Amino acid sequence: MSIFDIFDKISQPQTTGGQPEYIIAGLGNIGMQYDNTRHNAGFSVVDMLAEQCGTEINRLRFKGKTAEISIDGVKCLLLKPTTYMNNSGESIVQALEFYKLDIDNLIVVCDDISLDCGKIRIRRKGSHGGHNGLRSIIDLTGRDDFQRIKVGVGKKPHPDYDLAKWVLGKFRPNDAEKMKVSAQNACECIKLMVQGKTDEAMNKYN
């Protein structure tokens, strides 16, 4: 028995009863050194959604941290992969297979350096666009037609700036305030999307 199996047995799930209808996966990297970095924008959004629902994402399973919530009667699993960004797909595939959910029932939240801070963009499908977390999901599922919310974290200061240093860096104070707004908007998008109102979310927030 692995340490993760032990934690699964002793952790108390934030259960809503019944099987989740959606998996809402926020992408990021585990570890205090990555808290509030640009690459952890996905974690920040699902953490905010969990807080709004009165819970914490703290049950270890599916190579990630999870919590179960209900959004207007729709049961959802919040998932933060603990595989580090480049292997995010391992966690998400485990959860999809366990609940026998189609990729149509997956919403991924991730950072996007092509969008300014404070902006979000909803997509029904698309390539990974160089994002290694999305790349991992697409590679392991063989599909790119899953819904995603891209959270803008801002472009590099100049083209030669090291990308890893940029995405693993923390937000400037002014940008951090903008990120709170975009995280709130992303949460509102998720609430619409699990009700089958993706078009409405796109019209309102894209």
C-alpha atoms as a PDB file:
ATOM      1  CA  MET A   1       0.000   0.000   0.000  1.00  0.00           C
ATOM      2  CA  SER A   2       1.410   3.373  -1.040  1.00  0.00           C
ATOM      3  CA  ILE A   3       1.377   6.483   1.134  1.00  0.00           C
ATOM      4  CA  PHE A   4      -1.270   7.927  -1.204  1.00  0.00           C
ATOM      5  CA  ASP A   5      -3.520   4.897  -0.554  1.00  0.00           C
ATOM      6  CA  ILE A   6      -3.092   5.441   3.184  1.00  0.00           C
ATOM      7  CA  PHE A   7      -4.025   9.109   2.880  1.00  0.00           C
ATOM      8  CA  ASP A   8      -7.071   8.129   0.792  1.00  0.00           C
ATOM      9  CA  LYS A   9      -8.287   5.937   3.645  1.00  0.00           C
ATOM     10  CA  ILE A  10      -7.764   8.490   6.419  1.00  0.00           C
ATOM     11  CA  SER A  11      -8.726  11.672   4.559  1.00  0.00           C
ATOM     12  CA  GLN A  12     -12.265  12.845   5.027  1.00  0.00           C
ATOM     13  CA  PRO A  13     -13.804  13.622   1.606  1.00  0.00           C
ATOM     14  CA  GLN A  14     -15.813  16.778   1.070  1.00  0.00           C
ATOM     15  CA  THR A  15     -18.666  14.753  -0.338  1.00  0.00           C
ATOM     16  CA  THR A  16     -21.895  15.883  -1.903  1.00  0.00           C
ATOM     17  CA  GLY A  17     -23.301  12.372  -2.384  1.00  0.00           C
ATOM     18  CA  GLY A  18     -23.450  10.570  -5.721  1.00  0.00           C
ATOM     19  CA  GLN A  19     -20.977  10.593  -8.560  1.00  0.00           C
ATOM     20  CA  PRO A  20     -19.528  13.812  -9.973  1.00  0.00           C
ATOM     21  CA  GLU A  21     -20.894  14.868 -13.338  1.00  0.00           C
ATOM     22  CA  TYR A  22     -17.943  17.154 -14.111  1.00  0.00           C
ATOM     23  CA  ILE A  23     -14.246  17.214 -13.343  1.00  0.00           C
ATOM     24  CA  ILE A  24     -12.906  20.751 -12.961  1.00  0.00           C
ATOM     25  CA  ALA A  25      -9.117  20.586 -13.101  1.00  0.00           C
ATOM     26  CA  GLY A  26      -6.928  23.550 -12.228  1.00  0.00           C
ATOM     27  CA  LEU A  27      -3.344  23.216 -13.441  1.00  0.00           C
ATOM     28  CA  GLY A  28      -0.261  24.228 -11.510  1.00  0.00           C
ATOM     29  CA  ASN A  29       2.769  23.050  -9.546  1.00  0.00           C
ATOM     30  CA  ILE A  30       2.767  21.838  -5.955  1.00  0.00           C
ATOM     31  CA  GLY A  31       5.053  23.348  -3.336  1.00  0.00           C
ATOM     32  CA  MET A  32       5.126  26.605  -1.400  1.00  0.00           C
ATOM     33  CA  GLN A  33       7.738  28.025  -3.768  1.00  0.00           C
ATOM     34  CA  TYR A  34       5.123  27.957  -6.542  1.00  0.00           C
ATOM     35  CA  ASP A  35       2.295  29.599  -4.595  1.00  0.00           C
ATOM     36  CA  ASN A  36       0.897  32.677  -6.347  1.00  0.00           C
ATOM     37  CA  THR A  37       3.124  32.224  -9.391  1.00  0.00           C
ATOM     38  CA  ARG A  38       1.820  32.803 -12.904  1.00  0.00           C
ATOM     39  CA  HIS A  39       1.896  29.093 -13.767  1.00  0.00           C
ATOM     40  CA  ASN A  40      -0.401  28.366 -10.798  1.00  0.00           C
ATOM     41  CA  ALA A  41      -3.302  30.479 -12.040  1.00  0.00           C
ATOM     42  CA  GLY A  42      -5.367  27.314 -12.527  1.00  0.00           C
ATOM     43  CA  PHE A  43      -4.810  26.285  -8.907  1.00  0.00           C
ATOM     44  CA  SER A  44      -5.851  29.758  -7.763  1.00  0.00           C
ATOM     45  CA  VAL A  45      -9.169  29.566  -9.604  1.00  0.00           C
ATOM     46  CA  VAL A  46     -10.244  26.171  -8.278  1.00  0.00           C
ATOM     47  CA  ASP A  47      -9.113  27.144  -4.766  1.00  0.00           C
ATOM     48  CA  MET A  48     -11.353  30.212  -4.985  1.00  0.00           C
ATOM     49  CA  LEU A  49     -14.267  28.097  -6.233  1.00  0.00           C
ATOM     50  CA  ALA A  50     -13.780  25.657  -3.364  1.00  0.00           C
ATOM     51  CA  GLU A  51     -13.760  28.541  -0.872  1.00  0.00           C
ATOM     52  CA  GLN A  52     -16.990  29.886  -2.351  1.00  0.00           C
ATOM     53  CA  CYS A  53     -18.528  26.445  -1.801  1.00  0.00           C
ATOM     54  CA  GLY A  54     -17.283  26.302   1.796  1.00  0.00           C
ATOM     55  CA  THR A  55     -14.664  23.589   1.376  1.00  0.00           C
ATOM     56  CA  GLU A  56     -10.956  22.982   0.747  1.00  0.00           C
ATOM     57  CA  ILE A  57      -9.224  20.895  -1.896  1.00  0.00           C
ATOM     58  CA  ASN A  58      -7.365  18.536   0.399  1.00  0.00           C
ATOM     59  CA  ARG A  59      -8.273  14.886  -0.262  1.00  0.00           C
ATOM     60  CA  LEU A  60      -5.380  13.019  -1.904  1.00  0.00           C
ATOM     61  CA  ARG A  61      -6.443  10.789  -4.806  1.00  0.00           C
ATOM     62  CA  PHE A  62      -5.946  10.461  -8.567  1.00  0.00           C
ATOM     63  CA  LYS A  63      -2.377  11.771  -8.203  1.00  0.00           C
ATOM     64  CA  GLY A  64      -3.862  15.037  -7.042  1.00  0.00           C
ATOM     65  CA  LYS A  65      -5.772  16.915  -4.381  1.00  0.00           C
ATOM     66  CA  THR A  66      -9.558  16.826  -4.688  1.00  0.00           C
ATOM     67  CA  ALA A  67     -12.814  18.085  -3.257  1.00  0.00           C
ATOM     68  CA  GLU A  68     -16.410  17.408  -4.184  1.00  0.00           C
ATOM     69  CA  ILE A  69     -18.834  20.295  -4.545  1.00  0.00           C
ATOM     70  CA  SER A  70     -22.306  20.953  -5.881  1.00  0.00           C
ATOM     71  CA  ILE A  71     -23.005  23.863  -8.220  1.00  0.00           C
ATOM     72  CA  ASP A  72     -26.747  24.476  -8.496  1.00  0.00           C
ATOM     73  CA  GLY A  73     -27.364  20.754  -8.122  1.00  0.00           C
ATOM     74  CA  VAL A  74     -24.565  19.639 -10.465  1.00  0.00           C
ATOM     75  CA  LYS A  75     -22.010  17.477  -8.639  1.00  0.00           C
ATOM     76  CA  CYS A  76     -18.411  18.337  -9.529  1.00  0.00           C
ATOM     77  CA  LEU A  77     -14.956  17.097  -8.605  1.00  0.00           C
ATOM     78  CA  LEU A  78     -12.367  19.812  -8.119  1.00  0.00           C
ATOM     79  CA  LEU A  79      -8.909  18.481  -8.985  1.00  0.00           C
ATOM     80  CA  LYS A  80      -5.421  19.922  -8.518  1.00  0.00           C
ATOM     81  CA  PRO A  81      -2.870  17.484 -10.016  1.00  0.00           C
ATOM     82  CA  THR A  82       0.179  16.964  -7.789  1.00  0.00           C
ATOM     83  CA  THR A  83       2.215  15.549 -10.672  1.00  0.00           C
ATOM     84  CA  TYR A  84       3.721  18.942 -11.519  1.00  0.00           C
ATOM     85  CA  MET A  85       2.565  20.769 -14.613  1.00  0.00           C
ATOM     86  CA  ASN A  86       4.226  18.653 -17.301  1.00  0.00           C
ATOM     87  CA  ASN A  87       2.415  15.473 -16.198  1.00  0.00           C
ATOM     88  CA  SER A  88      -1.007  16.958 -15.430  1.00  0.00           C
ATOM     89  CA  GLY A  89      -2.694  14.509 -17.780  1.00  0.00           C
ATOM     90  CA  GLU A  90      -1.811  11.532 -15.574  1.00  0.00           C
ATOM     91  CA  SER A  91      -4.017  12.822 -12.777  1.00  0.00           C
ATOM     92  CA  ILE A  92      -6.870  13.899 -15.028  1.00  0.00           C
ATOM     93  CA  VAL A  93      -6.987  10.599 -16.944  1.00  0.00           C
ATOM     94  CA  GLN A  94      -7.135   8.642 -13.674  1.00  0.00           C
ATOM     95  CA  ALA A  95     -10.128  10.679 -12.508  1.00  0.00           C
ATOM     96  CA  LEU A  96     -11.934  10.427 -15.846  1.00  0.00           C
ATOM     97  CA  GLU A  97     -11.443   6.664 -15.966  1.00  0.00           C
ATOM     98  CA  PHE A  98     -12.472   6.135 -12.350  1.00  0.00           C
ATOM     99  CA  TYR A  99     -15.787   7.927 -12.833  1.00  0.00           C
ATOM    100  CA  LYS A 100     -16.179   6.674 -16.432  1.00  0.00           C
ATOM    101  CA  LEU A 101     -16.667  10.239 -17.630  1.00  0.00           C
ATOM    102  CA  ASP A 102     -16.214  11.396 -21.207  1.00  0.00           C
ATOM    103  CA  ILE A 103     -13.862  14.250 -21.942  1.00  0.00           C
ATOM    104  CA  ASP A 104     -16.980  16.351 -22.604  1.00  0.00           C
ATOM    105  CA  ASN A 105     -17.338  16.392 -18.821  1.00  0.00           C
ATOM    106  CA  LEU A 106     -13.914  17.928 -18.240  1.00  0.00           C
ATOM    107  CA  ILE A 107     -13.164  21.625 -17.703  1.00  0.00           C
ATOM    108  CA  VAL A 108      -9.506  22.610 -17.461  1.00  0.00           C
ATOM    109  CA  VAL A 109      -8.304  25.923 -16.035  1.00  0.00           C
ATOM    110  CA  CYS A 110      -4.778  27.052 -16.887  1.00  0.00           C
ATOM    111  CA  ASP A 111      -2.548  30.093 -17.307  1.00  0.00           C
ATOM    112  CA  ASP A 112      -1.993  31.814 -20.663  1.00  0.00           C
ATOM    113  CA  ILE A 113       0.939  34.153 -21.364  1.00  0.00           C
ATOM    114  CA  SER A 114      -0.685  35.475 -24.546  1.00  0.00           C
ATOM    115  CA  LEU A 115      -3.467  37.145 -22.544  1.00  0.00           C
ATOM    116  CA  ASP A 116      -3.076  40.212 -20.355  1.00  0.00           C
ATOM    117  CA  CYS A 117      -3.620  39.910 -16.612  1.00  0.00           C
ATOM    118  CA  GLY A 118      -7.287  40.288 -15.808  1.00  0.00           C
ATOM    119  CA  LYS A 119      -8.409  38.654 -19.060  1.00  0.00           C
ATOM    120  CA  ILE A 120      -9.800  35.161 -19.511  1.00  0.00           C
ATOM    121  CA  ARG A 121     -10.727  33.161 -22.582  1.00  0.00           C
ATOM    122  CA  ILE A 122     -13.006  30.137 -22.860  1.00  0.00           C
ATOM    123  CA  ARG A 123     -12.392  27.528 -25.550  1.00  0.00           C
ATOM    124  CA  ARG A 124     -14.288  24.347 -26.378  1.00  0.00           C
ATOM    125  CA  LYS A 125     -11.216  22.738 -27.954  1.00  0.00           C
ATOM    126  CA  GLY A 126      -7.818  23.560 -29.403  1.00  0.00           C
ATOM    127  CA  SER A 127      -4.122  22.728 -29.502  1.00  0.00           C
ATOM    128  CA  HIS A 128      -1.872  22.947 -26.471  1.00  0.00           C
ATOM    129  CA  GLY A 129      -0.320  26.133 -27.838  1.00  0.00           C
ATOM    130  CA  GLY A 130       2.984  25.305 -26.163  1.00  0.00           C
ATOM    131  CA  HIS A 131       1.435  24.861 -22.703  1.00  0.00           C
ATOM    132  CA  ASN A 132       2.932  21.686 -21.241  1.00  0.00           C
ATOM    133  CA  GLY A 133      -0.014  20.960 -18.967  1.00  0.00           C
ATOM    134  CA  LEU A 134      -2.436  21.009 -21.879  1.00  0.00           C
ATOM    135  CA  ARG A 135       0.078  19.037 -23.949  1.00  0.00           C
ATOM    136  CA  SER A 136       0.096  16.269 -21.335  1.00  0.00           C
ATOM    137  CA  ILE A 137      -3.713  16.052 -21.292  1.00  0.00           C
ATOM    138  CA  ILE A 138      -3.936  15.933 -25.085  1.00  0.00           C
ATOM    139  CA  ASP A 139      -1.146  13.348 -25.361  1.00  0.00           C
ATOM    140  CA  LEU A 140      -2.667  10.983 -22.784  1.00  0.00           C
ATOM    141  CA  THR A 141      -6.316  11.300 -23.845  1.00  0.00           C
ATOM    142  CA  GLY A 142      -5.674  11.558 -27.577  1.00  0.00           C
ATOM    143  CA  ARG A 143      -8.253  14.341 -27.636  1.00  0.00           C
ATOM    144  CA  ASP A 144      -8.118  18.120 -27.771  1.00  0.00           C
ATOM    145  CA  ASP A 145     -11.870  18.735 -27.688  1.00  0.00           C
ATOM    146  CA  PHE A 146     -12.210  19.482 -23.978  1.00  0.00           C
ATOM    147  CA  GLN A 147     -13.425  22.773 -22.547  1.00  0.00           C
ATOM    148  CA  ARG A 148     -10.842  25.042 -21.039  1.00  0.00           C
ATOM    149  CA  ILE A 149     -10.598  28.426 -19.391  1.00  0.00           C
ATOM    150  CA  LYS A 150      -7.362  30.265 -20.090  1.00  0.00           C
ATOM    151  CA  VAL A 151      -6.410  32.820 -17.460  1.00  0.00           C
ATOM    152  CA  GLY A 152      -4.192  35.629 -18.697  1.00  0.00           C
ATOM    153  CA  VAL A 153      -0.944  36.113 -16.784  1.00  0.00           C
ATOM    154  CA  GLY A 154       0.684  38.613 -19.140  1.00  0.00           C
ATOM    155  CA  LYS A 155       3.350  38.479 -21.800  1.00  0.00           C
ATOM    156  CA  LYS A 156       7.074  38.267 -21.116  1.00  0.00           C
ATOM    157  CA  PRO A 157       8.708  41.694 -20.627  1.00  0.00           C
ATOM    158  CA  HIS A 158      10.683  41.141 -23.838  1.00  0.00           C
ATOM    159  CA  PRO A 159      11.099  38.259 -26.326  1.00  0.00           C
ATOM    160  CA  ASP A 160      14.465  37.129 -24.936  1.00  0.00           C
ATOM    161  CA  TYR A 161      13.204  36.862 -21.354  1.00  0.00           C
ATOM    162  CA  ASP A 162      13.416  33.276 -20.055  1.00  0.00           C
ATOM    163  CA  LEU A 163       9.964  31.697 -20.295  1.00  0.00           C
ATOM    164  CA  ALA A 164      10.382  29.396 -17.291  1.00  0.00           C
ATOM    165  CA  LYS A 165      11.550  32.291 -15.147  1.00  0.00           C
ATOM    166  CA  TRP A 166       8.512  34.303 -16.243  1.00  0.00           C
ATOM    167  CA  VAL A 167       5.789  31.700 -15.618  1.00  0.00           C
ATOM    168  CA  LEU A 168       7.363  30.578 -12.340  1.00  0.00           C
ATOM    169  CA  GLY A 169       7.651  34.159 -11.144  1.00  0.00           C
ATOM    170  CA  LYS A 170       5.176  35.881  -8.853  1.00  0.00           C
ATOM    171  CA  PHE A 171       2.770  38.611  -9.897  1.00  0.00           C
ATOM    172  CA  ARG A 172       3.544  42.276  -9.502  1.00  0.00           C
ATOM    173  CA  PRO A 173       1.178  43.910  -6.942  1.00  0.00           C
ATOM    174  CA  ASN A 174      -0.951  45.592  -9.602  1.00  0.00           C
ATOM    175  CA  ASP A 175      -1.234  42.388 -11.623  1.00  0.00           C
ATOM    176  CA  ALA A 176      -2.119  40.407  -8.497  1.00  0.00           C
ATOM    177  CA  GLU A 177      -5.198  42.586  -8.030  1.00  0.00           C
ATOM    178  CA  LYS A 178      -6.197  42.002 -11.643  1.00  0.00           C
ATOM    179  CA  MET A 179      -5.772  38.269 -11.128  1.00  0.00           C
ATOM    180  CA  LYS A 180      -8.295  38.275  -8.294  1.00  0.00           C
ATOM    181  CA  VAL A 181     -10.850  39.712 -10.712  1.00  0.00           C
ATOM    182  CA  SER A 182     -10.049  37.205 -13.448  1.00  0.00           C
ATOM    183  CA  ALA A 183     -10.197  34.302 -10.973  1.00  0.00           C
ATOM    184  CA  GLN A 184     -13.629  35.475  -9.834  1.00  0.00           C
ATOM    185  CA  ASN A 185     -14.774  35.710 -13.450  1.00  0.00           C
ATOM    186  CA  ALA A 186     -13.409  32.239 -14.172  1.00  0.00           C
ATOM    187  CA  CYS A 187     -15.414  30.860 -11.240  1.00  0.00           C
ATOM    188  CA  GLU A 188     -18.558  32.442 -12.652  1.00  0.00           C
ATOM    189  CA  CYS A 189     -17.756  30.880 -16.035  1.00  0.00           C
ATOM    190  CA  ILE A 190     -17.454  27.433 -14.475  1.00  0.00           C
ATOM    191  CA  LYS A 191     -20.829  27.832 -12.777  1.00  0.00           C
ATOM    192  CA  LEU A 192     -22.391  28.528 -16.173  1.00  0.00           C
ATOM    193  CA  MET A 193     -20.469  25.840 -18.051  1.00  0.00           C
ATOM    194  CA  VAL A 194     -21.529  22.963 -15.784  1.00  0.00           C
ATOM    195  CA  GLN A 195     -25.126  24.040 -16.451  1.00  0.00           C
ATOM    196  CA  GLY A 196     -24.530  23.645 -20.188  1.00  0.00           C
ATOM    197  CA  LYS A 197     -24.296  27.416 -20.721  1.00  0.00           C
ATOM    198  CA  THR A 198     -20.843  27.636 -22.257  1.00  0.00           C
ATOM    199  CA  ASP A 199     -22.055  29.954 -25.025  1.00  0.00           C
ATOM    200  CA  GLU A 200     -23.420  32.334 -22.417  1.00  0.00           C
ATOM    201  CA  ALA A 201     -20.132  32.251 -20.531  1.00  0.00           C
ATOM    202  CA  MET A 202     -18.181  32.934 -23.725  1.00  0.00           C
ATOM    203  CA  ASN A 203     -20.424  35.832 -24.694  1.00  0.00           C
ATOM    204  CA  LYS A 204     -20.133  37.373 -21.245  1.00  0.00           C
ATOM    205  CA  TYR A 205     -16.461  36.857 -20.413  1.00  0.00           C
ATOM    206  CA  ASN A 206     -14.423  36.268 -23.607  1.00  0.00           C
END
